[in-house]
N, C-alpha and C. Protein backbone atom coordinates (compact mmCIF):
# COMPACT_ATOMS: atom_id res chain seq x y z
N MET A 1 60.45 -17.46 -39.23
CA MET A 1 59.11 -17.07 -38.92
C MET A 1 58.42 -18.22 -38.21
N PRO A 2 57.66 -17.91 -37.10
CA PRO A 2 57.03 -18.99 -36.35
C PRO A 2 55.86 -19.59 -37.12
N THR A 3 55.63 -20.85 -36.92
CA THR A 3 54.51 -21.54 -37.55
C THR A 3 53.34 -21.64 -36.57
N LEU A 4 52.17 -21.41 -37.09
CA LEU A 4 50.96 -21.54 -36.29
C LEU A 4 50.39 -22.93 -36.45
N SER A 5 50.05 -23.54 -35.35
CA SER A 5 49.42 -24.85 -35.45
C SER A 5 48.21 -24.87 -34.52
N PHE A 6 47.15 -25.44 -35.01
CA PHE A 6 45.92 -25.55 -34.23
C PHE A 6 45.64 -27.02 -33.97
N SER A 7 45.37 -27.31 -32.73
CA SER A 7 44.92 -28.67 -32.41
C SER A 7 43.44 -28.73 -32.75
N PRO A 8 42.92 -29.90 -32.97
CA PRO A 8 41.47 -30.02 -33.24
C PRO A 8 40.63 -29.43 -32.10
N PHE A 9 41.08 -29.58 -30.87
CA PHE A 9 40.35 -29.03 -29.75
C PHE A 9 40.28 -27.51 -29.82
N ARG A 10 41.42 -26.86 -30.08
CA ARG A 10 41.45 -25.40 -30.17
C ARG A 10 40.61 -24.91 -31.34
N LEU A 11 40.62 -25.62 -32.43
CA LEU A 11 39.83 -25.24 -33.60
C LEU A 11 38.33 -25.29 -33.26
N LEU A 12 37.91 -26.39 -32.61
CA LEU A 12 36.49 -26.50 -32.23
C LEU A 12 36.10 -25.44 -31.21
N LEU A 13 36.97 -25.18 -30.26
CA LEU A 13 36.70 -24.15 -29.26
C LEU A 13 36.56 -22.78 -29.93
N SER A 14 37.44 -22.47 -30.86
CA SER A 14 37.39 -21.18 -31.56
C SER A 14 36.11 -21.06 -32.38
N LEU A 15 35.71 -22.12 -33.07
CA LEU A 15 34.49 -22.10 -33.87
C LEU A 15 33.26 -21.95 -32.97
N GLY A 16 33.28 -22.62 -31.80
CA GLY A 16 32.16 -22.49 -30.87
C GLY A 16 32.02 -21.08 -30.33
N LEU A 17 33.14 -20.45 -29.99
CA LEU A 17 33.10 -19.07 -29.51
C LEU A 17 32.60 -18.12 -30.59
N LEU A 18 33.05 -18.33 -31.82
CA LEU A 18 32.61 -17.50 -32.94
C LEU A 18 31.10 -17.64 -33.15
N ALA A 19 30.59 -18.87 -33.08
CA ALA A 19 29.16 -19.09 -33.25
C ALA A 19 28.37 -18.40 -32.13
N ALA A 20 28.86 -18.48 -30.90
CA ALA A 20 28.17 -17.83 -29.79
C ALA A 20 28.12 -16.32 -29.97
N ILE A 21 29.19 -15.74 -30.45
CA ILE A 21 29.24 -14.30 -30.67
C ILE A 21 28.26 -13.88 -31.76
N LEU A 22 28.14 -14.68 -32.80
CA LEU A 22 27.25 -14.34 -33.91
C LEU A 22 25.78 -14.56 -33.54
N VAL A 23 25.48 -15.54 -32.71
CA VAL A 23 24.09 -15.86 -32.37
C VAL A 23 23.56 -14.93 -31.28
N ALA A 24 24.39 -14.47 -30.36
CA ALA A 24 23.94 -13.67 -29.22
C ALA A 24 23.12 -12.45 -29.62
N PRO A 25 23.54 -11.64 -30.61
CA PRO A 25 22.71 -10.47 -30.97
C PRO A 25 21.34 -10.87 -31.51
N ALA A 26 21.26 -11.96 -32.26
CA ALA A 26 19.97 -12.40 -32.79
C ALA A 26 19.05 -12.83 -31.66
N ASP A 27 19.61 -13.54 -30.66
CA ASP A 27 18.82 -13.99 -29.52
C ASP A 27 18.31 -12.79 -28.71
N ALA A 28 19.15 -11.80 -28.50
CA ALA A 28 18.74 -10.59 -27.77
C ALA A 28 17.65 -9.85 -28.53
N GLN A 29 17.74 -9.79 -29.85
CA GLN A 29 16.72 -9.13 -30.65
C GLN A 29 15.39 -9.85 -30.53
N GLU A 30 15.44 -11.21 -30.53
CA GLU A 30 14.21 -11.99 -30.39
C GLU A 30 13.52 -11.68 -29.07
N ARG A 31 14.30 -11.64 -27.97
CA ARG A 31 13.71 -11.36 -26.67
C ARG A 31 13.12 -9.96 -26.61
N SER A 32 13.77 -8.99 -27.26
CA SER A 32 13.25 -7.62 -27.19
C SER A 32 11.98 -7.46 -28.03
N ASN A 33 11.73 -8.39 -28.97
CA ASN A 33 10.52 -8.33 -29.79
C ASN A 33 9.33 -9.01 -29.13
N GLU A 34 9.56 -9.74 -28.00
CA GLU A 34 8.44 -10.39 -27.33
C GLU A 34 7.49 -9.33 -26.80
N GLU A 35 6.22 -9.65 -26.84
CA GLU A 35 5.22 -8.70 -26.34
C GLU A 35 5.05 -8.89 -24.83
N ALA A 36 4.79 -7.81 -24.15
CA ALA A 36 4.49 -7.88 -22.73
C ALA A 36 3.16 -8.60 -22.54
N ARG A 37 3.02 -9.32 -21.45
CA ARG A 37 1.77 -10.02 -21.17
C ARG A 37 0.67 -9.02 -20.84
N VAL A 38 -0.52 -9.29 -21.29
CA VAL A 38 -1.67 -8.46 -20.96
C VAL A 38 -1.91 -8.51 -19.45
N SER A 39 -1.73 -9.68 -18.86
CA SER A 39 -1.84 -9.86 -17.40
C SER A 39 -0.44 -10.16 -16.88
N PRO A 40 0.29 -9.14 -16.44
CA PRO A 40 1.68 -9.35 -16.04
C PRO A 40 1.80 -10.24 -14.80
N ASN A 41 2.94 -10.92 -14.71
CA ASN A 41 3.19 -11.76 -13.55
C ASN A 41 3.60 -10.91 -12.36
N ALA A 42 3.33 -11.42 -11.17
CA ALA A 42 3.71 -10.75 -9.93
C ALA A 42 3.99 -11.81 -8.88
N ALA A 43 4.66 -11.38 -7.82
CA ALA A 43 4.91 -12.26 -6.68
C ALA A 43 4.96 -11.41 -5.42
N VAL A 44 4.49 -11.98 -4.33
CA VAL A 44 4.55 -11.32 -3.03
C VAL A 44 4.92 -12.37 -2.00
N SER A 45 5.76 -11.99 -1.05
CA SER A 45 6.10 -12.94 0.01
C SER A 45 6.03 -12.24 1.36
N GLN A 46 5.81 -13.05 2.37
CA GLN A 46 5.71 -12.54 3.73
C GLN A 46 6.28 -13.59 4.66
N THR A 47 7.07 -13.14 5.62
CA THR A 47 7.56 -14.04 6.64
C THR A 47 6.66 -13.92 7.86
N ILE A 48 6.17 -15.07 8.32
CA ILE A 48 5.35 -15.16 9.52
C ILE A 48 6.16 -15.97 10.52
N GLY A 49 6.63 -15.34 11.57
CA GLY A 49 7.57 -16.01 12.47
C GLY A 49 8.85 -16.26 11.70
N THR A 50 9.15 -17.53 11.44
CA THR A 50 10.32 -17.87 10.60
C THR A 50 9.87 -18.56 9.31
N THR A 51 8.58 -18.58 9.04
CA THR A 51 8.03 -19.26 7.86
C THR A 51 7.79 -18.27 6.74
N GLU A 52 8.34 -18.56 5.56
CA GLU A 52 8.08 -17.70 4.41
C GLU A 52 6.87 -18.23 3.64
N VAL A 53 5.97 -17.31 3.31
CA VAL A 53 4.81 -17.62 2.48
C VAL A 53 4.97 -16.78 1.22
N ARG A 54 4.92 -17.42 0.04
CA ARG A 54 5.12 -16.70 -1.23
C ARG A 54 4.00 -17.06 -2.19
N VAL A 55 3.42 -16.03 -2.81
CA VAL A 55 2.37 -16.22 -3.81
C VAL A 55 2.89 -15.67 -5.14
N THR A 56 2.82 -16.47 -6.19
CA THR A 56 3.24 -16.08 -7.54
C THR A 56 2.03 -16.22 -8.45
N TYR A 57 1.72 -15.17 -9.22
CA TYR A 57 0.45 -15.17 -9.96
C TYR A 57 0.49 -14.21 -11.14
N GLY A 58 -0.47 -14.37 -12.06
CA GLY A 58 -0.71 -13.42 -13.14
C GLY A 58 -1.78 -12.45 -12.70
N ARG A 59 -1.63 -11.15 -13.07
CA ARG A 59 -2.53 -10.09 -12.59
C ARG A 59 -3.50 -9.63 -13.69
N PRO A 60 -4.66 -10.27 -13.82
CA PRO A 60 -5.63 -9.79 -14.80
C PRO A 60 -6.25 -8.46 -14.36
N SER A 61 -6.75 -7.70 -15.34
CA SER A 61 -7.43 -6.43 -15.08
C SER A 61 -8.94 -6.60 -15.20
N VAL A 62 -9.66 -5.71 -14.56
CA VAL A 62 -11.13 -5.73 -14.62
C VAL A 62 -11.59 -5.37 -16.04
N ASN A 63 -11.03 -4.31 -16.61
CA ASN A 63 -11.39 -3.87 -17.97
C ASN A 63 -12.90 -3.72 -18.17
N ASP A 64 -13.59 -3.11 -17.22
CA ASP A 64 -15.03 -2.87 -17.31
C ASP A 64 -15.86 -4.14 -17.50
N ARG A 65 -15.36 -5.26 -17.00
CA ARG A 65 -16.10 -6.52 -17.11
C ARG A 65 -16.78 -6.84 -15.78
N THR A 66 -17.85 -7.62 -15.85
CA THR A 66 -18.47 -8.17 -14.65
C THR A 66 -17.67 -9.39 -14.27
N LEU A 67 -17.15 -9.40 -13.05
CA LEU A 67 -16.24 -10.48 -12.66
C LEU A 67 -16.94 -11.63 -11.98
N PHE A 68 -17.33 -11.47 -10.73
CA PHE A 68 -17.84 -12.55 -9.92
C PHE A 68 -19.36 -12.52 -9.92
N ALA A 69 -19.97 -13.42 -10.68
CA ALA A 69 -21.43 -13.49 -10.81
C ALA A 69 -21.78 -14.82 -11.50
N GLU A 70 -23.06 -15.14 -11.52
CA GLU A 70 -23.50 -16.35 -12.21
C GLU A 70 -23.06 -16.34 -13.67
N ASP A 71 -23.14 -15.16 -14.30
CA ASP A 71 -22.77 -15.04 -15.71
C ASP A 71 -21.55 -14.14 -15.90
N GLY A 72 -20.71 -14.03 -14.86
CA GLY A 72 -19.54 -13.16 -14.92
C GLY A 72 -18.35 -13.83 -15.58
N LEU A 73 -17.29 -13.05 -15.73
CA LEU A 73 -16.03 -13.59 -16.25
C LEU A 73 -15.59 -14.78 -15.40
N VAL A 74 -15.75 -14.65 -14.09
CA VAL A 74 -15.48 -15.73 -13.15
C VAL A 74 -16.83 -16.14 -12.56
N SER A 75 -17.31 -17.30 -12.98
CA SER A 75 -18.66 -17.73 -12.60
C SER A 75 -18.69 -18.30 -11.19
N TYR A 76 -19.74 -17.96 -10.46
CA TYR A 76 -19.97 -18.56 -9.15
C TYR A 76 -20.10 -20.07 -9.30
N GLY A 77 -19.54 -20.78 -8.35
CA GLY A 77 -19.70 -22.23 -8.30
C GLY A 77 -18.78 -23.02 -9.21
N GLU A 78 -17.88 -22.34 -9.94
CA GLU A 78 -16.96 -23.05 -10.84
C GLU A 78 -15.52 -22.80 -10.42
N VAL A 79 -14.67 -23.81 -10.65
CA VAL A 79 -13.26 -23.69 -10.31
C VAL A 79 -12.63 -22.60 -11.17
N TRP A 80 -11.90 -21.71 -10.51
CA TRP A 80 -11.20 -20.62 -11.20
C TRP A 80 -9.71 -20.73 -10.92
N ARG A 81 -8.91 -20.46 -11.91
CA ARG A 81 -7.46 -20.55 -11.75
C ARG A 81 -6.88 -19.44 -10.87
N THR A 82 -7.70 -18.50 -10.45
CA THR A 82 -7.32 -17.45 -9.51
C THR A 82 -6.14 -16.63 -10.03
N GLY A 83 -6.35 -16.06 -11.18
CA GLY A 83 -5.32 -15.24 -11.82
C GLY A 83 -5.36 -15.48 -13.31
N ALA A 84 -4.22 -15.26 -13.93
CA ALA A 84 -4.11 -15.43 -15.38
C ALA A 84 -2.84 -16.22 -15.70
N ASN A 85 -2.78 -16.71 -16.92
CA ASN A 85 -1.58 -17.40 -17.42
C ASN A 85 -1.35 -18.72 -16.68
N GLU A 86 -0.12 -18.96 -16.20
CA GLU A 86 0.18 -20.17 -15.46
C GLU A 86 -0.63 -20.19 -14.17
N ALA A 87 -0.74 -21.37 -13.58
CA ALA A 87 -1.47 -21.48 -12.32
C ALA A 87 -0.81 -20.62 -11.25
N THR A 88 -1.62 -19.96 -10.46
CA THR A 88 -1.14 -19.25 -9.28
C THR A 88 -0.55 -20.29 -8.34
N THR A 89 0.58 -19.95 -7.71
CA THR A 89 1.17 -20.87 -6.74
C THR A 89 1.33 -20.19 -5.39
N ILE A 90 1.21 -21.01 -4.36
CA ILE A 90 1.50 -20.58 -3.00
C ILE A 90 2.54 -21.55 -2.45
N SER A 91 3.64 -20.98 -1.94
CA SER A 91 4.70 -21.78 -1.32
C SER A 91 4.77 -21.44 0.16
N VAL A 92 4.93 -22.45 0.98
CA VAL A 92 5.15 -22.25 2.41
C VAL A 92 6.41 -23.04 2.79
N SER A 93 7.33 -22.37 3.49
CA SER A 93 8.60 -23.00 3.81
C SER A 93 8.51 -23.98 4.96
N ASP A 94 7.47 -23.89 5.77
CA ASP A 94 7.25 -24.80 6.90
C ASP A 94 5.78 -25.17 6.93
N ASP A 95 5.45 -26.19 7.72
CA ASP A 95 4.05 -26.56 7.89
C ASP A 95 3.27 -25.38 8.49
N VAL A 96 2.06 -25.17 8.01
CA VAL A 96 1.20 -24.10 8.49
C VAL A 96 -0.22 -24.63 8.62
N THR A 97 -1.12 -23.79 9.12
CA THR A 97 -2.54 -24.06 9.00
C THR A 97 -3.13 -22.90 8.19
N VAL A 98 -4.11 -23.22 7.36
CA VAL A 98 -4.84 -22.23 6.58
C VAL A 98 -6.30 -22.37 6.99
N GLN A 99 -6.87 -21.27 7.50
CA GLN A 99 -8.24 -21.30 8.00
C GLN A 99 -8.41 -22.43 9.02
N GLY A 100 -7.34 -22.71 9.79
CA GLY A 100 -7.39 -23.72 10.84
C GLY A 100 -7.10 -25.14 10.39
N GLU A 101 -6.87 -25.36 9.11
CA GLU A 101 -6.61 -26.70 8.59
C GLU A 101 -5.14 -26.85 8.21
N PRO A 102 -4.52 -28.02 8.48
CA PRO A 102 -3.08 -28.18 8.25
C PRO A 102 -2.71 -28.24 6.76
N LEU A 103 -1.57 -27.59 6.45
CA LEU A 103 -0.99 -27.63 5.10
C LEU A 103 0.52 -27.83 5.27
N SER A 104 1.05 -28.89 4.68
CA SER A 104 2.48 -29.19 4.79
C SER A 104 3.32 -28.21 3.99
N ALA A 105 4.56 -28.05 4.42
CA ALA A 105 5.51 -27.22 3.68
C ALA A 105 5.57 -27.70 2.23
N GLY A 106 5.65 -26.76 1.29
CA GLY A 106 5.72 -27.12 -0.13
C GLY A 106 5.18 -26.01 -1.00
N THR A 107 5.08 -26.30 -2.29
CA THR A 107 4.54 -25.37 -3.27
C THR A 107 3.31 -26.00 -3.91
N TYR A 108 2.24 -25.23 -3.95
CA TYR A 108 0.95 -25.73 -4.43
C TYR A 108 0.37 -24.77 -5.46
N SER A 109 -0.36 -25.31 -6.44
CA SER A 109 -1.17 -24.43 -7.28
C SER A 109 -2.39 -24.03 -6.43
N PHE A 110 -2.90 -22.83 -6.71
CA PHE A 110 -3.97 -22.27 -5.89
C PHE A 110 -5.16 -21.95 -6.78
N TYR A 111 -6.25 -22.65 -6.52
CA TYR A 111 -7.50 -22.43 -7.25
C TYR A 111 -8.57 -21.99 -6.26
N THR A 112 -9.63 -21.40 -6.76
CA THR A 112 -10.75 -21.02 -5.91
C THR A 112 -12.06 -21.37 -6.60
N ILE A 113 -13.09 -21.48 -5.79
CA ILE A 113 -14.46 -21.58 -6.30
C ILE A 113 -15.20 -20.41 -5.66
N PRO A 114 -15.41 -19.33 -6.42
CA PRO A 114 -16.09 -18.15 -5.86
C PRO A 114 -17.58 -18.41 -5.64
N GLY A 115 -18.11 -17.73 -4.66
CA GLY A 115 -19.54 -17.74 -4.39
C GLY A 115 -19.92 -16.40 -3.77
N PRO A 116 -21.18 -16.05 -3.79
CA PRO A 116 -21.59 -14.75 -3.25
C PRO A 116 -21.35 -14.62 -1.74
N ASP A 117 -21.43 -15.74 -1.00
CA ASP A 117 -21.30 -15.70 0.45
C ASP A 117 -20.10 -16.47 0.98
N ALA A 118 -19.53 -17.35 0.18
CA ALA A 118 -18.38 -18.15 0.61
C ALA A 118 -17.54 -18.53 -0.61
N TRP A 119 -16.24 -18.58 -0.41
CA TRP A 119 -15.32 -19.04 -1.44
C TRP A 119 -14.63 -20.30 -0.94
N THR A 120 -14.39 -21.25 -1.84
CA THR A 120 -13.58 -22.41 -1.52
C THR A 120 -12.16 -22.13 -2.03
N LEU A 121 -11.18 -22.25 -1.13
CA LEU A 121 -9.77 -22.08 -1.49
C LEU A 121 -9.18 -23.47 -1.64
N ILE A 122 -8.53 -23.71 -2.77
CA ILE A 122 -8.04 -25.04 -3.10
C ILE A 122 -6.52 -25.01 -3.26
N PHE A 123 -5.84 -25.89 -2.53
CA PHE A 123 -4.39 -26.06 -2.65
C PHE A 123 -4.17 -27.40 -3.34
N ASN A 124 -3.58 -27.35 -4.53
CA ASN A 124 -3.45 -28.53 -5.38
C ASN A 124 -1.98 -28.92 -5.47
N ASP A 125 -1.69 -30.21 -5.45
CA ASP A 125 -0.32 -30.72 -5.39
C ASP A 125 0.49 -30.52 -6.68
N ILE A 126 -0.16 -30.20 -7.81
CA ILE A 126 0.56 -30.01 -9.07
C ILE A 126 0.78 -28.51 -9.25
N ALA A 127 1.96 -28.03 -8.88
CA ALA A 127 2.24 -26.59 -8.89
C ALA A 127 2.60 -26.06 -10.27
N ASP A 128 3.35 -26.80 -11.03
CA ASP A 128 3.87 -26.30 -12.31
C ASP A 128 2.93 -26.73 -13.43
N GLN A 129 1.90 -25.93 -13.68
CA GLN A 129 0.92 -26.27 -14.71
C GLN A 129 0.30 -25.01 -15.29
N TRP A 130 -0.25 -25.15 -16.45
CA TRP A 130 -0.99 -24.05 -17.04
C TRP A 130 -2.26 -23.87 -16.22
N GLY A 131 -2.74 -22.66 -16.15
CA GLY A 131 -3.83 -22.29 -15.25
C GLY A 131 -5.11 -23.07 -15.38
N THR A 132 -5.40 -23.64 -16.53
CA THR A 132 -6.69 -24.30 -16.72
C THR A 132 -6.59 -25.83 -16.70
N GLU A 133 -5.46 -26.38 -16.32
CA GLU A 133 -5.28 -27.83 -16.32
C GLU A 133 -5.49 -28.43 -14.93
N TYR A 134 -6.52 -27.98 -14.25
CA TYR A 134 -6.82 -28.39 -12.88
C TYR A 134 -7.28 -29.83 -12.81
N ASP A 135 -6.74 -30.59 -11.81
CA ASP A 135 -7.13 -31.97 -11.57
C ASP A 135 -7.52 -32.11 -10.10
N GLU A 136 -8.80 -32.22 -9.84
CA GLU A 136 -9.33 -32.27 -8.47
C GLU A 136 -8.70 -33.40 -7.65
N SER A 137 -8.33 -34.51 -8.29
CA SER A 137 -7.77 -35.63 -7.54
C SER A 137 -6.41 -35.28 -6.90
N GLU A 138 -5.80 -34.18 -7.31
CA GLU A 138 -4.52 -33.75 -6.75
C GLU A 138 -4.68 -32.71 -5.64
N ASP A 139 -5.91 -32.40 -5.24
CA ASP A 139 -6.12 -31.44 -4.16
C ASP A 139 -5.56 -32.00 -2.85
N VAL A 140 -4.85 -31.15 -2.09
CA VAL A 140 -4.36 -31.56 -0.77
C VAL A 140 -5.12 -30.85 0.34
N LEU A 141 -5.77 -29.72 0.02
CA LEU A 141 -6.53 -28.99 1.03
C LEU A 141 -7.58 -28.13 0.35
N ARG A 142 -8.78 -28.14 0.94
CA ARG A 142 -9.85 -27.21 0.56
C ARG A 142 -10.38 -26.59 1.85
N VAL A 143 -10.47 -25.25 1.85
CA VAL A 143 -11.01 -24.53 3.01
C VAL A 143 -11.96 -23.46 2.51
N GLU A 144 -12.81 -23.00 3.41
CA GLU A 144 -13.78 -21.95 3.08
C GLU A 144 -13.28 -20.60 3.59
N ALA A 145 -13.60 -19.54 2.85
CA ALA A 145 -13.30 -18.16 3.26
C ALA A 145 -14.50 -17.30 2.91
N THR A 146 -14.68 -16.23 3.66
CA THR A 146 -15.81 -15.33 3.44
C THR A 146 -15.35 -14.09 2.69
N PRO A 147 -15.95 -13.81 1.52
CA PRO A 147 -15.58 -12.60 0.78
C PRO A 147 -16.09 -11.35 1.47
N GLU A 148 -15.39 -10.25 1.25
CA GLU A 148 -15.75 -8.95 1.81
C GLU A 148 -15.71 -7.90 0.70
N SER A 149 -16.41 -6.81 0.93
CA SER A 149 -16.31 -5.67 0.02
C SER A 149 -15.06 -4.88 0.37
N GLY A 150 -14.44 -4.31 -0.64
CA GLY A 150 -13.25 -3.49 -0.43
C GLY A 150 -13.19 -2.41 -1.49
N PRO A 151 -12.19 -1.57 -1.41
CA PRO A 151 -12.04 -0.53 -2.44
C PRO A 151 -11.77 -1.15 -3.81
N GLN A 152 -12.15 -0.46 -4.85
CA GLN A 152 -11.97 -0.96 -6.21
C GLN A 152 -10.48 -1.06 -6.54
N VAL A 153 -10.08 -2.24 -7.05
CA VAL A 153 -8.71 -2.51 -7.48
C VAL A 153 -8.79 -3.01 -8.91
N GLU A 154 -8.15 -2.33 -9.85
CA GLU A 154 -8.23 -2.70 -11.27
C GLU A 154 -7.54 -4.03 -11.56
N MET A 155 -6.31 -4.19 -11.10
CA MET A 155 -5.56 -5.42 -11.35
C MET A 155 -5.58 -6.29 -10.10
N MET A 156 -5.87 -7.58 -10.30
CA MET A 156 -5.91 -8.51 -9.19
C MET A 156 -4.59 -8.49 -8.43
N MET A 157 -4.69 -8.63 -7.10
CA MET A 157 -3.47 -8.65 -6.31
C MET A 157 -3.64 -9.51 -5.06
N PHE A 158 -2.52 -9.99 -4.57
CA PHE A 158 -2.45 -10.66 -3.27
C PHE A 158 -1.61 -9.78 -2.36
N TYR A 159 -1.94 -9.77 -1.09
CA TYR A 159 -1.12 -9.08 -0.10
C TYR A 159 -1.38 -9.71 1.26
N PHE A 160 -0.61 -9.27 2.25
CA PHE A 160 -0.73 -9.79 3.61
C PHE A 160 -1.02 -8.65 4.57
N GLU A 161 -1.80 -8.94 5.60
CA GLU A 161 -2.08 -7.96 6.63
C GLU A 161 -2.18 -8.68 7.98
N ASN A 162 -2.18 -7.89 9.05
CA ASN A 162 -2.29 -8.43 10.41
C ASN A 162 -1.24 -9.51 10.69
N VAL A 163 0.00 -9.25 10.29
CA VAL A 163 1.08 -10.22 10.44
C VAL A 163 1.75 -10.04 11.80
N ASP A 164 1.95 -11.15 12.51
CA ASP A 164 2.74 -11.14 13.75
C ASP A 164 3.63 -12.39 13.75
N ASP A 165 4.14 -12.76 14.89
CA ASP A 165 5.08 -13.90 14.97
C ASP A 165 4.43 -15.25 14.73
N THR A 166 3.11 -15.33 14.84
CA THR A 166 2.45 -16.63 14.74
C THR A 166 1.44 -16.75 13.61
N SER A 167 0.97 -15.62 13.07
CA SER A 167 -0.06 -15.70 12.04
C SER A 167 -0.08 -14.46 11.16
N GLY A 168 -0.81 -14.55 10.09
CA GLY A 168 -1.02 -13.43 9.18
C GLY A 168 -2.23 -13.73 8.33
N THR A 169 -2.76 -12.70 7.70
CA THR A 169 -3.91 -12.86 6.83
C THR A 169 -3.48 -12.62 5.39
N GLY A 170 -3.61 -13.65 4.55
CA GLY A 170 -3.41 -13.48 3.12
C GLY A 170 -4.69 -12.91 2.55
N VAL A 171 -4.58 -12.03 1.56
CA VAL A 171 -5.78 -11.43 0.97
C VAL A 171 -5.67 -11.50 -0.55
N LEU A 172 -6.70 -12.06 -1.18
CA LEU A 172 -6.90 -11.98 -2.63
C LEU A 172 -7.83 -10.79 -2.83
N HIS A 173 -7.46 -9.83 -3.67
CA HIS A 173 -8.28 -8.63 -3.86
C HIS A 173 -8.34 -8.32 -5.35
N TRP A 174 -9.58 -8.24 -5.86
CA TRP A 174 -9.79 -7.88 -7.26
C TRP A 174 -11.12 -7.17 -7.37
N ASN A 175 -11.11 -6.07 -8.11
CA ASN A 175 -12.27 -5.20 -8.23
C ASN A 175 -12.68 -4.76 -6.83
N GLU A 176 -13.90 -5.02 -6.42
CA GLU A 176 -14.34 -4.61 -5.08
C GLU A 176 -14.50 -5.81 -4.16
N THR A 177 -13.85 -6.92 -4.50
CA THR A 177 -13.95 -8.14 -3.69
C THR A 177 -12.61 -8.46 -3.05
N ARG A 178 -12.65 -8.65 -1.74
CA ARG A 178 -11.50 -9.09 -0.95
C ARG A 178 -11.84 -10.46 -0.37
N VAL A 179 -10.87 -11.39 -0.43
CA VAL A 179 -11.07 -12.71 0.16
C VAL A 179 -9.90 -12.96 1.12
N PRO A 180 -10.11 -12.66 2.42
CA PRO A 180 -9.03 -12.88 3.39
C PRO A 180 -9.02 -14.35 3.88
N PHE A 181 -7.81 -14.85 4.14
CA PHE A 181 -7.67 -16.20 4.69
C PHE A 181 -6.51 -16.22 5.69
N GLU A 182 -6.75 -16.83 6.85
CA GLU A 182 -5.76 -16.84 7.91
C GLU A 182 -4.73 -17.94 7.71
N ILE A 183 -3.46 -17.56 7.85
CA ILE A 183 -2.35 -18.50 7.81
C ILE A 183 -1.69 -18.45 9.19
N GLN A 184 -1.56 -19.62 9.81
CA GLN A 184 -0.93 -19.67 11.12
C GLN A 184 0.24 -20.64 11.05
N VAL A 185 1.35 -20.26 11.68
CA VAL A 185 2.52 -21.13 11.72
C VAL A 185 2.16 -22.35 12.55
N ALA A 186 2.44 -23.54 12.03
CA ALA A 186 2.09 -24.77 12.72
C ALA A 186 2.73 -24.82 14.10
N GLY A 187 1.98 -25.34 15.07
CA GLY A 187 2.49 -25.47 16.43
C GLY A 187 2.21 -24.26 17.29
N ASN A 188 1.58 -23.21 16.71
CA ASN A 188 1.27 -22.01 17.50
C ASN A 188 -0.23 -21.84 17.68
């Protein structure tokens, strides 16, 4: 009758595989018990010429709240994380201009300062951060945009319009407020 022999390496490998098999169902159960976010994450990207522009953000809902006002959920004149959860990010694969001002290729957190007649759009160098940990000293670009009225949208969203080979308009839209901003491929 043949004798079975295990080397220490084979024994450890077998025990590791057994542990992985036993732990996997518990890990899957934990993930299935996680609650969905109240403000789900979303992402949208658009290619302008050969430059990819990508916005990643949390989508809060209006929920019958007053949004943009002196005493609104998002107060006029104060820095807003422009979404929910983690900081909204904007990535550009090549150098671009936003509202005519240069922005180098990279990924930036995106904040805004809403106002009744003008919004300040802020591109901050610290992309991977929780939404409320804003540090003004890390701003790389601030530009102004003019808000417009639009159709009512329950969940905040970003989208692109008027896209051609050299430029496109990014739009932040929530409730009845649209904030368009021009992105142009650098050198055009």
